[in-house]
Amino acid sequence: MPEGKILIVDDEPDVTAYLTAVLANAGYTAYRAATADEGFELLEVIQPDAVCLDIMMPGKLGLTLYAKLRKDERFKDIPVILISGVASEEEFEFKKLLPDESLPPPQEYLEKPINRAQFLTIIGQLLKQNKKADC
């Protein structure tokens, strides 16, 4: 049975409820945050194994949290899946939205609506890669 703590940061309750249920049914522990600030607070408390981060949220964008994550030594190696209902992966230009050259691109990008099987495959791969990197 898979193990891992996944933080979902998205302002859409339907999305967080769906992803939480998908993750829980697969054996993961999911945590939810509705804002970038709430997400960062949870990051500090739970130390997740991966983060699913919505790009477009009211207030601070998900990309603002992504930049903060990548610049913080405690969180810079946590895998991030960016999620968007706005742009397809082909249309998404990370460097144009966040031109800080020092920031690496996210590990994955998914479009809403999220495909359950694809999502779980990606989570499993990211957690496996991260465990190997920790060894």
C-alpha atoms as a PDB file:
ATOM      1  CA  MET A   1       0.000   0.000   0.000  1.00  0.00           C
ATOM      2  CA  PRO A   2       1.458   3.415  -0.921  1.00  0.00           C
ATOM      3  CA  GLU A   3       2.465   5.773   1.825  1.00  0.00           C
ATOM      4  CA  GLY A   4       3.106   9.471   1.748  1.00  0.00           C
ATOM      5  CA  LYS A   5       1.801  12.853   2.788  1.00  0.00           C
ATOM      6  CA  ILE A   6       0.471  14.993  -0.042  1.00  0.00           C
ATOM      7  CA  LEU A   7      -0.451  18.657   0.357  1.00  0.00           C
ATOM      8  CA  ILE A   8      -3.131  19.959  -2.020  1.00  0.00           C
ATOM      9  CA  VAL A   9      -3.267  23.747  -2.357  1.00  0.00           C
ATOM     10  CA  ASP A  10      -6.301  24.809  -4.407  1.00  0.00           C
ATOM     11  CA  ASP A  11      -9.074  27.336  -3.865  1.00  0.00           C
ATOM     12  CA  GLU A  12     -11.734  25.078  -5.432  1.00  0.00           C
ATOM     13  CA  PRO A  13     -13.324  22.864  -2.740  1.00  0.00           C
ATOM     14  CA  ASP A  14     -14.530  20.363  -5.363  1.00  0.00           C
ATOM     15  CA  VAL A  15     -10.978  19.871  -6.614  1.00  0.00           C
ATOM     16  CA  THR A  16      -9.467  19.424  -3.153  1.00  0.00           C
ATOM     17  CA  ALA A  17     -12.272  17.040  -2.130  1.00  0.00           C
ATOM     18  CA  TYR A  18     -11.782  14.958  -5.280  1.00  0.00           C
ATOM     19  CA  LEU A  19      -7.985  14.803  -5.020  1.00  0.00           C
ATOM     20  CA  THR A  20      -8.173  14.044  -1.289  1.00  0.00           C
ATOM     21  CA  ALA A  21     -10.550  11.139  -1.940  1.00  0.00           C
ATOM     22  CA  VAL A  22      -8.397   9.787  -4.795  1.00  0.00           C
ATOM     23  CA  LEU A  23      -5.258   9.950  -2.652  1.00  0.00           C
ATOM     24  CA  ALA A  24      -6.921   8.459   0.437  1.00  0.00           C
ATOM     25  CA  ASN A  25      -8.334   5.559  -1.586  1.00  0.00           C
ATOM     26  CA  ALA A  26      -4.809   4.873  -2.866  1.00  0.00           C
ATOM     27  CA  GLY A  27      -3.332   4.831   0.645  1.00  0.00           C
ATOM     28  CA  TYR A  28      -1.868   8.330   0.857  1.00  0.00           C
ATOM     29  CA  THR A  29      -2.555  10.932   3.534  1.00  0.00           C
ATOM     30  CA  ALA A  30      -3.858  14.134   1.962  1.00  0.00           C
ATOM     31  CA  TYR A  31      -3.935  17.605   3.470  1.00  0.00           C
ATOM     32  CA  ARG A  32      -5.828  20.568   2.031  1.00  0.00           C
ATOM     33  CA  ALA A  33      -5.203  24.277   1.915  1.00  0.00           C
ATOM     34  CA  ALA A  34      -7.392  26.849   0.148  1.00  0.00           C
ATOM     35  CA  THR A  35      -4.807  29.642  -0.116  1.00  0.00           C
ATOM     36  CA  ALA A  36      -1.081  29.998  -0.731  1.00  0.00           C
ATOM     37  CA  ASP A  37      -0.562  31.345   2.802  1.00  0.00           C
ATOM     38  CA  GLU A  38      -2.488  28.461   4.372  1.00  0.00           C
ATOM     39  CA  GLY A  39      -0.491  26.073   2.186  1.00  0.00           C
ATOM     40  CA  PHE A  40       2.818  27.448   3.419  1.00  0.00           C
ATOM     41  CA  GLU A  41       1.691  27.179   7.043  1.00  0.00           C
ATOM     42  CA  LEU A  42       0.739  23.527   6.490  1.00  0.00           C
ATOM     43  CA  LEU A  43       4.055  22.865   4.742  1.00  0.00           C
ATOM     44  CA  GLU A  44       5.870  23.885   7.889  1.00  0.00           C
ATOM     45  CA  VAL A  45       3.707  21.647  10.083  1.00  0.00           C
ATOM     46  CA  ILE A  46       3.318  18.454   8.045  1.00  0.00           C
ATOM     47  CA  GLN A  47       6.503  18.374   5.902  1.00  0.00           C
ATOM     48  CA  PRO A  48       4.700  16.716   2.948  1.00  0.00           C
ATOM     49  CA  ASP A  49       6.288  14.292   0.510  1.00  0.00           C
ATOM     50  CA  ALA A  50       4.738  16.124  -2.465  1.00  0.00           C
ATOM     51  CA  VAL A  51       2.646  19.231  -3.184  1.00  0.00           C
ATOM     52  CA  CYS A  52      -0.183  19.646  -5.688  1.00  0.00           C
ATOM     53  CA  LEU A  53      -0.448  23.348  -6.365  1.00  0.00           C
ATOM     54  CA  ASP A  54      -3.106  25.260  -8.278  1.00  0.00           C
ATOM     55  CA  ILE A  55      -1.650  28.043 -10.411  1.00  0.00           C
ATOM     56  CA  MET A  56      -4.546  30.494 -10.312  1.00  0.00           C
ATOM     57  CA  MET A  57      -5.912  31.355  -6.888  1.00  0.00           C
ATOM     58  CA  PRO A  58      -7.329  34.540  -5.418  1.00  0.00           C
ATOM     59  CA  GLY A  59      -4.833  36.666  -3.535  1.00  0.00           C
ATOM     60  CA  LYS A  60      -1.419  35.103  -3.997  1.00  0.00           C
ATOM     61  CA  LEU A  61      -0.968  32.932  -7.048  1.00  0.00           C
ATOM     62  CA  GLY A  62       0.172  29.366  -6.662  1.00  0.00           C
ATOM     63  CA  LEU A  63       3.337  30.367  -8.489  1.00  0.00           C
ATOM     64  CA  THR A  64       4.140  32.765  -5.654  1.00  0.00           C
ATOM     65  CA  LEU A  65       4.018  29.827  -3.247  1.00  0.00           C
ATOM     66  CA  TYR A  66       6.061  27.742  -5.684  1.00  0.00           C
ATOM     67  CA  ALA A  67       8.811  30.379  -5.720  1.00  0.00           C
ATOM     68  CA  LYS A  68       8.746  30.615  -1.923  1.00  0.00           C
ATOM     69  CA  LEU A  69       8.962  26.827  -1.669  1.00  0.00           C
ATOM     70  CA  ARG A  70      11.913  26.556  -4.028  1.00  0.00           C
ATOM     71  CA  LYS A  71      13.860  29.304  -2.246  1.00  0.00           C
ATOM     72  CA  ASP A  72      13.385  27.752   1.214  1.00  0.00           C
ATOM     73  CA  GLU A  73      16.062  25.180   2.119  1.00  0.00           C
ATOM     74  CA  ARG A  74      13.527  23.138   4.104  1.00  0.00           C
ATOM     75  CA  PHE A  75      11.183  22.668   1.134  1.00  0.00           C
ATOM     76  CA  LYS A  76      13.230  23.127  -2.035  1.00  0.00           C
ATOM     77  CA  ASP A  77      13.413  19.392  -2.788  1.00  0.00           C
ATOM     78  CA  ILE A  78       9.731  18.557  -2.287  1.00  0.00           C
ATOM     79  CA  PRO A  79       8.248  17.483  -5.641  1.00  0.00           C
ATOM     80  CA  VAL A  80       5.576  19.840  -6.965  1.00  0.00           C
ATOM     81  CA  ILE A  81       2.768  19.165  -9.408  1.00  0.00           C
ATOM     82  CA  LEU A  82       1.332  22.380 -10.818  1.00  0.00           C
ATOM     83  CA  ILE A  83      -2.362  22.128 -11.635  1.00  0.00           C
ATOM     84  CA  SER A  84      -4.301  24.462 -13.898  1.00  0.00           C
ATOM     85  CA  GLY A  85      -7.690  24.763 -15.475  1.00  0.00           C
ATOM     86  CA  VAL A  86      -6.496  27.749 -17.483  1.00  0.00           C
ATOM     87  CA  ALA A  87      -3.728  26.529 -19.775  1.00  0.00           C
ATOM     88  CA  SER A  88      -2.796  23.207 -21.299  1.00  0.00           C
ATOM     89  CA  GLU A  89       0.699  21.864 -20.698  1.00  0.00           C
ATOM     90  CA  GLU A  90       1.690  22.922 -24.207  1.00  0.00           C
ATOM     91  CA  GLU A  91       0.464  26.495 -23.570  1.00  0.00           C
ATOM     92  CA  PHE A  92       1.980  26.768 -20.092  1.00  0.00           C
ATOM     93  CA  GLU A  93       5.183  28.793 -20.176  1.00  0.00           C
ATOM     94  CA  PHE A  94       6.671  28.609 -16.712  1.00  0.00           C
ATOM     95  CA  LYS A  95       9.531  31.044 -17.350  1.00  0.00           C
ATOM     96  CA  LYS A  96       7.163  33.726 -18.678  1.00  0.00           C
ATOM     97  CA  LEU A  97       4.958  33.509 -15.602  1.00  0.00           C
ATOM     98  CA  LEU A  98       7.841  33.315 -13.158  1.00  0.00           C
ATOM     99  CA  PRO A  99      10.928  34.711 -14.872  1.00  0.00           C
ATOM    100  CA  ASP A 100      13.304  34.060 -11.965  1.00  0.00           C
ATOM    101  CA  GLU A 101      16.037  32.120 -13.791  1.00  0.00           C
ATOM    102  CA  SER A 102      17.215  30.460 -10.576  1.00  0.00           C
ATOM    103  CA  LEU A 103      13.932  28.575 -10.143  1.00  0.00           C
ATOM    104  CA  PRO A 104      13.713  25.090 -11.633  1.00  0.00           C
ATOM    105  CA  PRO A 105      10.495  24.148 -13.413  1.00  0.00           C
ATOM    106  CA  PRO A 106       8.024  22.008 -11.470  1.00  0.00           C
ATOM    107  CA  GLN A 107       8.351  18.241 -11.661  1.00  0.00           C
ATOM    108  CA  GLU A 108       4.930  17.862 -13.296  1.00  0.00           C
ATOM    109  CA  TYR A 109       2.050  19.812 -14.751  1.00  0.00           C
ATOM    110  CA  LEU A 110      -1.556  18.584 -14.892  1.00  0.00           C
ATOM    111  CA  GLU A 111      -4.639  20.081 -16.482  1.00  0.00           C
ATOM    112  CA  LYS A 112      -8.057  20.156 -14.829  1.00  0.00           C
ATOM    113  CA  PRO A 113     -10.092  18.048 -14.809  1.00  0.00           C
ATOM    114  CA  ILE A 114      -7.529  15.695 -13.312  1.00  0.00           C
ATOM    115  CA  ASN A 115      -7.313  12.180 -14.722  1.00  0.00           C
ATOM    116  CA  ARG A 116      -7.315   9.874 -11.678  1.00  0.00           C
ATOM    117  CA  ALA A 117      -5.027   7.170 -13.092  1.00  0.00           C
ATOM    118  CA  GLN A 118      -2.517   9.663 -14.496  1.00  0.00           C
ATOM    119  CA  PHE A 119      -2.508  11.599 -11.215  1.00  0.00           C
ATOM    120  CA  LEU A 120      -1.804   8.498  -9.110  1.00  0.00           C
ATOM    121  CA  THR A 121       0.903   7.315 -11.494  1.00  0.00           C
ATOM    122  CA  ILE A 122       2.649  10.687 -11.287  1.00  0.00           C
ATOM    123  CA  ILE A 123       2.391  10.817  -7.477  1.00  0.00           C
ATOM    124  CA  GLY A 124       3.835   7.304  -7.209  1.00  0.00           C
ATOM    125  CA  GLN A 125       6.725   8.124  -9.551  1.00  0.00           C
ATOM    126  CA  LEU A 126       7.560  11.387  -7.779  1.00  0.00           C
ATOM    127  CA  LEU A 127       7.584   9.784  -4.337  1.00  0.00           C
ATOM    128  CA  LYS A 128       9.718   6.877  -5.584  1.00  0.00           C
ATOM    129  CA  GLN A 129      12.221   9.293  -7.180  1.00  0.00           C
ATOM    130  CA  ASN A 130      12.337  11.420  -4.039  1.00  0.00           C
ATOM    131  CA  LYS A 131      13.012   8.374  -1.821  1.00  0.00           C
ATOM    132  CA  LYS A 132      15.914   7.361  -4.086  1.00  0.00           C
ATOM    133  CA  ALA A 133      17.322  10.885  -3.876  1.00  0.00           C
ATOM    134  CA  ASP A 134      17.186  10.749  -0.065  1.00  0.00           C
ATOM    135  CA  CYS A 135      19.298   7.561   0.042  1.00  0.00           C
END
